[in-house]
N, C-alpha and C. Protein backbone atom coordinates (compact mmCIF):
# COMPACT_ATOMS: atom_id res chain seq x y z
N UNK A 1 18.54 -41.77 34.57
CA UNK A 1 18.41 -41.88 36.00
C UNK A 1 19.80 -41.92 36.61
N UNK A 2 19.93 -41.23 37.71
CA UNK A 2 21.22 -41.20 38.39
C UNK A 2 21.52 -42.48 39.15
N UNK A 3 22.75 -42.61 39.56
CA UNK A 3 23.18 -43.81 40.29
C UNK A 3 22.54 -43.90 41.67
N UNK A 4 21.91 -42.82 42.14
CA UNK A 4 21.23 -42.85 43.44
C UNK A 4 19.91 -43.64 43.39
N UNK A 5 19.44 -43.97 42.20
CA UNK A 5 18.22 -44.78 42.05
C UNK A 5 18.56 -46.23 42.33
N UNK A 6 17.81 -46.83 43.26
CA UNK A 6 18.04 -48.24 43.58
C UNK A 6 17.70 -49.11 42.37
N UNK A 7 18.44 -50.19 42.21
CA UNK A 7 18.24 -51.08 41.07
C UNK A 7 16.83 -51.66 41.04
N UNK A 8 16.21 -51.85 42.19
CA UNK A 8 14.85 -52.39 42.23
C UNK A 8 13.86 -51.40 41.63
N UNK A 9 14.18 -50.12 41.67
CA UNK A 9 13.39 -49.10 40.99
C UNK A 9 12.11 -48.65 41.67
N UNK A 10 11.44 -49.52 42.36
CA UNK A 10 10.14 -49.20 42.94
C UNK A 10 10.06 -49.67 44.38
N UNK A 11 9.15 -49.06 45.14
CA UNK A 11 8.94 -49.43 46.54
C UNK A 11 7.44 -49.45 46.78
N UNK A 12 6.96 -50.49 47.40
CA UNK A 12 5.52 -50.58 47.67
C UNK A 12 5.15 -49.93 49.00
N UNK A 13 6.09 -49.26 49.65
CA UNK A 13 5.90 -48.54 50.92
C UNK A 13 5.33 -49.46 52.00
N UNK A 14 5.87 -50.68 52.02
CA UNK A 14 5.46 -51.70 53.00
C UNK A 14 3.98 -52.05 52.89
N UNK A 15 3.45 -51.94 51.68
CA UNK A 15 2.05 -52.30 51.42
C UNK A 15 2.02 -53.25 50.22
N UNK A 16 2.33 -54.53 50.44
CA UNK A 16 2.36 -55.47 49.32
C UNK A 16 1.05 -55.53 48.54
N UNK A 17 -0.07 -55.21 49.19
CA UNK A 17 -1.36 -55.23 48.47
C UNK A 17 -1.38 -54.18 47.35
N UNK A 18 -0.54 -53.16 47.46
CA UNK A 18 -0.46 -52.13 46.41
C UNK A 18 0.04 -52.71 45.09
N UNK A 19 0.80 -53.76 45.16
CA UNK A 19 1.35 -54.38 43.95
C UNK A 19 0.24 -54.90 43.04
N UNK A 20 -0.95 -55.10 43.58
CA UNK A 20 -2.08 -55.61 42.80
C UNK A 20 -2.97 -54.49 42.26
N UNK A 21 -2.86 -53.28 42.82
CA UNK A 21 -3.78 -52.21 42.44
C UNK A 21 -3.12 -50.98 41.84
N UNK A 22 -1.80 -50.89 41.93
CA UNK A 22 -1.07 -49.73 41.42
C UNK A 22 -0.24 -50.17 40.22
N UNK A 23 -0.07 -49.27 39.27
CA UNK A 23 0.77 -49.57 38.10
C UNK A 23 2.17 -49.03 38.34
N UNK A 24 3.12 -49.92 38.37
CA UNK A 24 4.53 -49.56 38.50
C UNK A 24 5.16 -49.75 37.12
N UNK A 25 5.14 -48.71 36.31
CA UNK A 25 5.57 -48.81 34.92
C UNK A 25 6.59 -47.72 34.61
N UNK A 26 7.43 -48.01 33.64
CA UNK A 26 8.36 -46.99 33.15
C UNK A 26 8.66 -47.24 31.68
N UNK A 27 9.18 -46.19 31.06
CA UNK A 27 9.47 -46.28 29.63
C UNK A 27 10.72 -45.47 29.32
N UNK A 28 11.62 -46.07 28.61
CA UNK A 28 12.79 -45.37 28.08
C UNK A 28 13.77 -44.86 29.12
N UNK A 29 13.78 -45.45 30.29
CA UNK A 29 14.72 -45.00 31.31
C UNK A 29 16.15 -45.32 30.87
N UNK A 30 17.06 -44.41 31.20
CA UNK A 30 18.46 -44.63 30.85
C UNK A 30 19.34 -44.05 31.94
N UNK A 31 20.61 -44.34 31.86
CA UNK A 31 21.57 -43.84 32.85
C UNK A 31 21.92 -44.92 33.87
N UNK A 32 22.79 -44.58 34.81
CA UNK A 32 23.29 -45.56 35.78
C UNK A 32 22.20 -46.19 36.65
N UNK A 33 21.11 -45.49 36.90
CA UNK A 33 20.04 -46.04 37.74
C UNK A 33 19.01 -46.86 36.98
N UNK A 34 19.17 -46.98 35.70
CA UNK A 34 18.21 -47.72 34.87
C UNK A 34 18.66 -49.15 34.67
N UNK A 35 18.56 -49.93 35.71
CA UNK A 35 18.99 -51.34 35.67
C UNK A 35 17.76 -52.22 35.56
N UNK A 36 17.20 -52.27 34.36
CA UNK A 36 15.91 -52.93 34.15
C UNK A 36 15.90 -54.39 34.58
N UNK A 37 16.98 -55.09 34.40
CA UNK A 37 17.02 -56.52 34.75
C UNK A 37 16.89 -56.74 36.26
N UNK A 38 17.11 -55.68 37.05
CA UNK A 38 17.06 -55.81 38.50
C UNK A 38 15.80 -55.18 39.12
N UNK A 39 14.87 -54.75 38.29
CA UNK A 39 13.64 -54.14 38.79
C UNK A 39 12.79 -55.17 39.55
N UNK A 40 11.92 -54.68 40.42
CA UNK A 40 11.01 -55.58 41.14
C UNK A 40 10.17 -56.36 40.12
N UNK A 41 9.77 -57.55 40.50
CA UNK A 41 9.05 -58.41 39.56
C UNK A 41 7.66 -57.88 39.22
N UNK A 42 7.10 -57.01 40.05
CA UNK A 42 5.75 -56.50 39.83
C UNK A 42 5.73 -55.17 39.06
N UNK A 43 6.86 -54.77 38.52
CA UNK A 43 6.89 -53.59 37.65
C UNK A 43 6.98 -54.05 36.20
N UNK A 44 6.78 -53.12 35.29
CA UNK A 44 6.92 -53.51 33.89
C UNK A 44 7.44 -52.35 33.06
N UNK A 45 8.04 -52.71 31.96
CA UNK A 45 8.56 -51.74 30.99
C UNK A 45 7.53 -51.57 29.89
N UNK A 46 7.17 -50.33 29.62
CA UNK A 46 6.20 -50.06 28.56
C UNK A 46 6.87 -50.06 27.19
N UNK A 47 6.15 -50.48 26.20
CA UNK A 47 6.61 -50.35 24.82
C UNK A 47 6.34 -48.90 24.39
N UNK A 48 6.91 -48.49 23.28
CA UNK A 48 6.66 -47.14 22.77
C UNK A 48 5.18 -46.94 22.51
N UNK A 49 4.52 -47.94 21.98
CA UNK A 49 3.09 -47.84 21.69
C UNK A 49 2.28 -47.66 22.98
N UNK A 50 2.62 -48.41 24.02
CA UNK A 50 1.92 -48.28 25.29
C UNK A 50 2.17 -46.90 25.91
N UNK A 51 3.38 -46.43 25.86
CA UNK A 51 3.74 -45.13 26.45
C UNK A 51 3.00 -43.98 25.77
N UNK A 52 2.76 -44.08 24.48
CA UNK A 52 2.06 -43.02 23.74
C UNK A 52 0.63 -42.82 24.24
N UNK A 53 0.08 -43.80 24.92
CA UNK A 53 -1.30 -43.68 25.40
C UNK A 53 -1.40 -42.80 26.64
N UNK A 54 -0.27 -42.47 27.26
CA UNK A 54 -0.27 -41.61 28.46
C UNK A 54 -0.14 -40.16 28.03
N UNK A 55 -1.24 -39.58 27.61
CA UNK A 55 -1.25 -38.17 27.22
C UNK A 55 -1.78 -37.34 28.39
N UNK A 56 -1.48 -36.07 28.40
CA UNK A 56 -1.97 -35.18 29.45
C UNK A 56 -3.49 -35.23 29.52
N UNK A 57 -4.12 -35.21 28.37
CA UNK A 57 -5.59 -35.22 28.33
C UNK A 57 -6.16 -36.49 28.95
N UNK A 58 -5.58 -37.63 28.65
CA UNK A 58 -6.09 -38.90 29.19
C UNK A 58 -5.79 -39.06 30.67
N UNK A 59 -4.61 -38.64 31.09
CA UNK A 59 -4.23 -38.78 32.49
C UNK A 59 -5.10 -37.90 33.39
N UNK A 60 -5.45 -36.71 32.92
CA UNK A 60 -6.22 -35.77 33.73
C UNK A 60 -7.72 -35.81 33.43
N UNK A 61 -8.16 -36.81 32.67
CA UNK A 61 -9.58 -36.93 32.33
C UNK A 61 -10.40 -37.22 33.59
N UNK A 62 -11.56 -36.60 33.65
CA UNK A 62 -12.48 -36.79 34.77
C UNK A 62 -13.83 -36.23 34.35
N UNK A 63 -14.89 -36.45 35.15
CA UNK A 63 -16.18 -35.85 34.80
C UNK A 63 -16.06 -34.35 34.57
N UNK A 64 -15.20 -33.70 35.34
CA UNK A 64 -14.88 -32.29 35.12
C UNK A 64 -13.38 -32.23 34.90
N UNK A 65 -12.93 -32.36 33.66
CA UNK A 65 -11.50 -32.44 33.38
C UNK A 65 -10.75 -31.20 33.88
N UNK A 66 -9.56 -31.45 34.38
CA UNK A 66 -8.69 -30.38 34.82
C UNK A 66 -7.52 -30.32 33.86
N UNK A 67 -7.42 -29.24 33.12
CA UNK A 67 -6.31 -29.08 32.18
C UNK A 67 -5.52 -27.82 32.58
N UNK A 68 -4.33 -28.03 33.10
CA UNK A 68 -3.53 -26.88 33.52
C UNK A 68 -3.08 -26.06 32.32
N UNK A 69 -2.83 -24.79 32.55
CA UNK A 69 -2.30 -23.93 31.50
C UNK A 69 -0.78 -24.13 31.50
N UNK A 70 -0.29 -24.58 30.38
CA UNK A 70 1.15 -24.83 30.25
C UNK A 70 1.85 -23.59 29.73
N UNK A 71 3.07 -23.35 30.19
CA UNK A 71 3.82 -22.20 29.68
C UNK A 71 4.14 -22.41 28.21
N UNK A 72 4.20 -21.32 27.48
CA UNK A 72 4.49 -21.41 26.04
C UNK A 72 5.98 -21.43 25.81
C-alpha cells in the first residue's frame, strides 16, 4: 500500500452503524500505508487460513452463480 493510504485504513462513510454489519478486513498488506497498529478498532487482520476462504467461487455464490470468464 502506498503512503497515500491513511493509517486508519478504513472509513465508515459517516455511517457508524455500518461497523456492525460490514466486514472491514485485510490480509497481508505491506508498504508505507500498511500501518496495522493504527487501523480503526472495528477492522481486523485475517490469518492466512481465514484469507484462503475468500475464493472467487464463494464470493460470487448465489442462487444463480455468476462466474466471470477470466483471461488466460
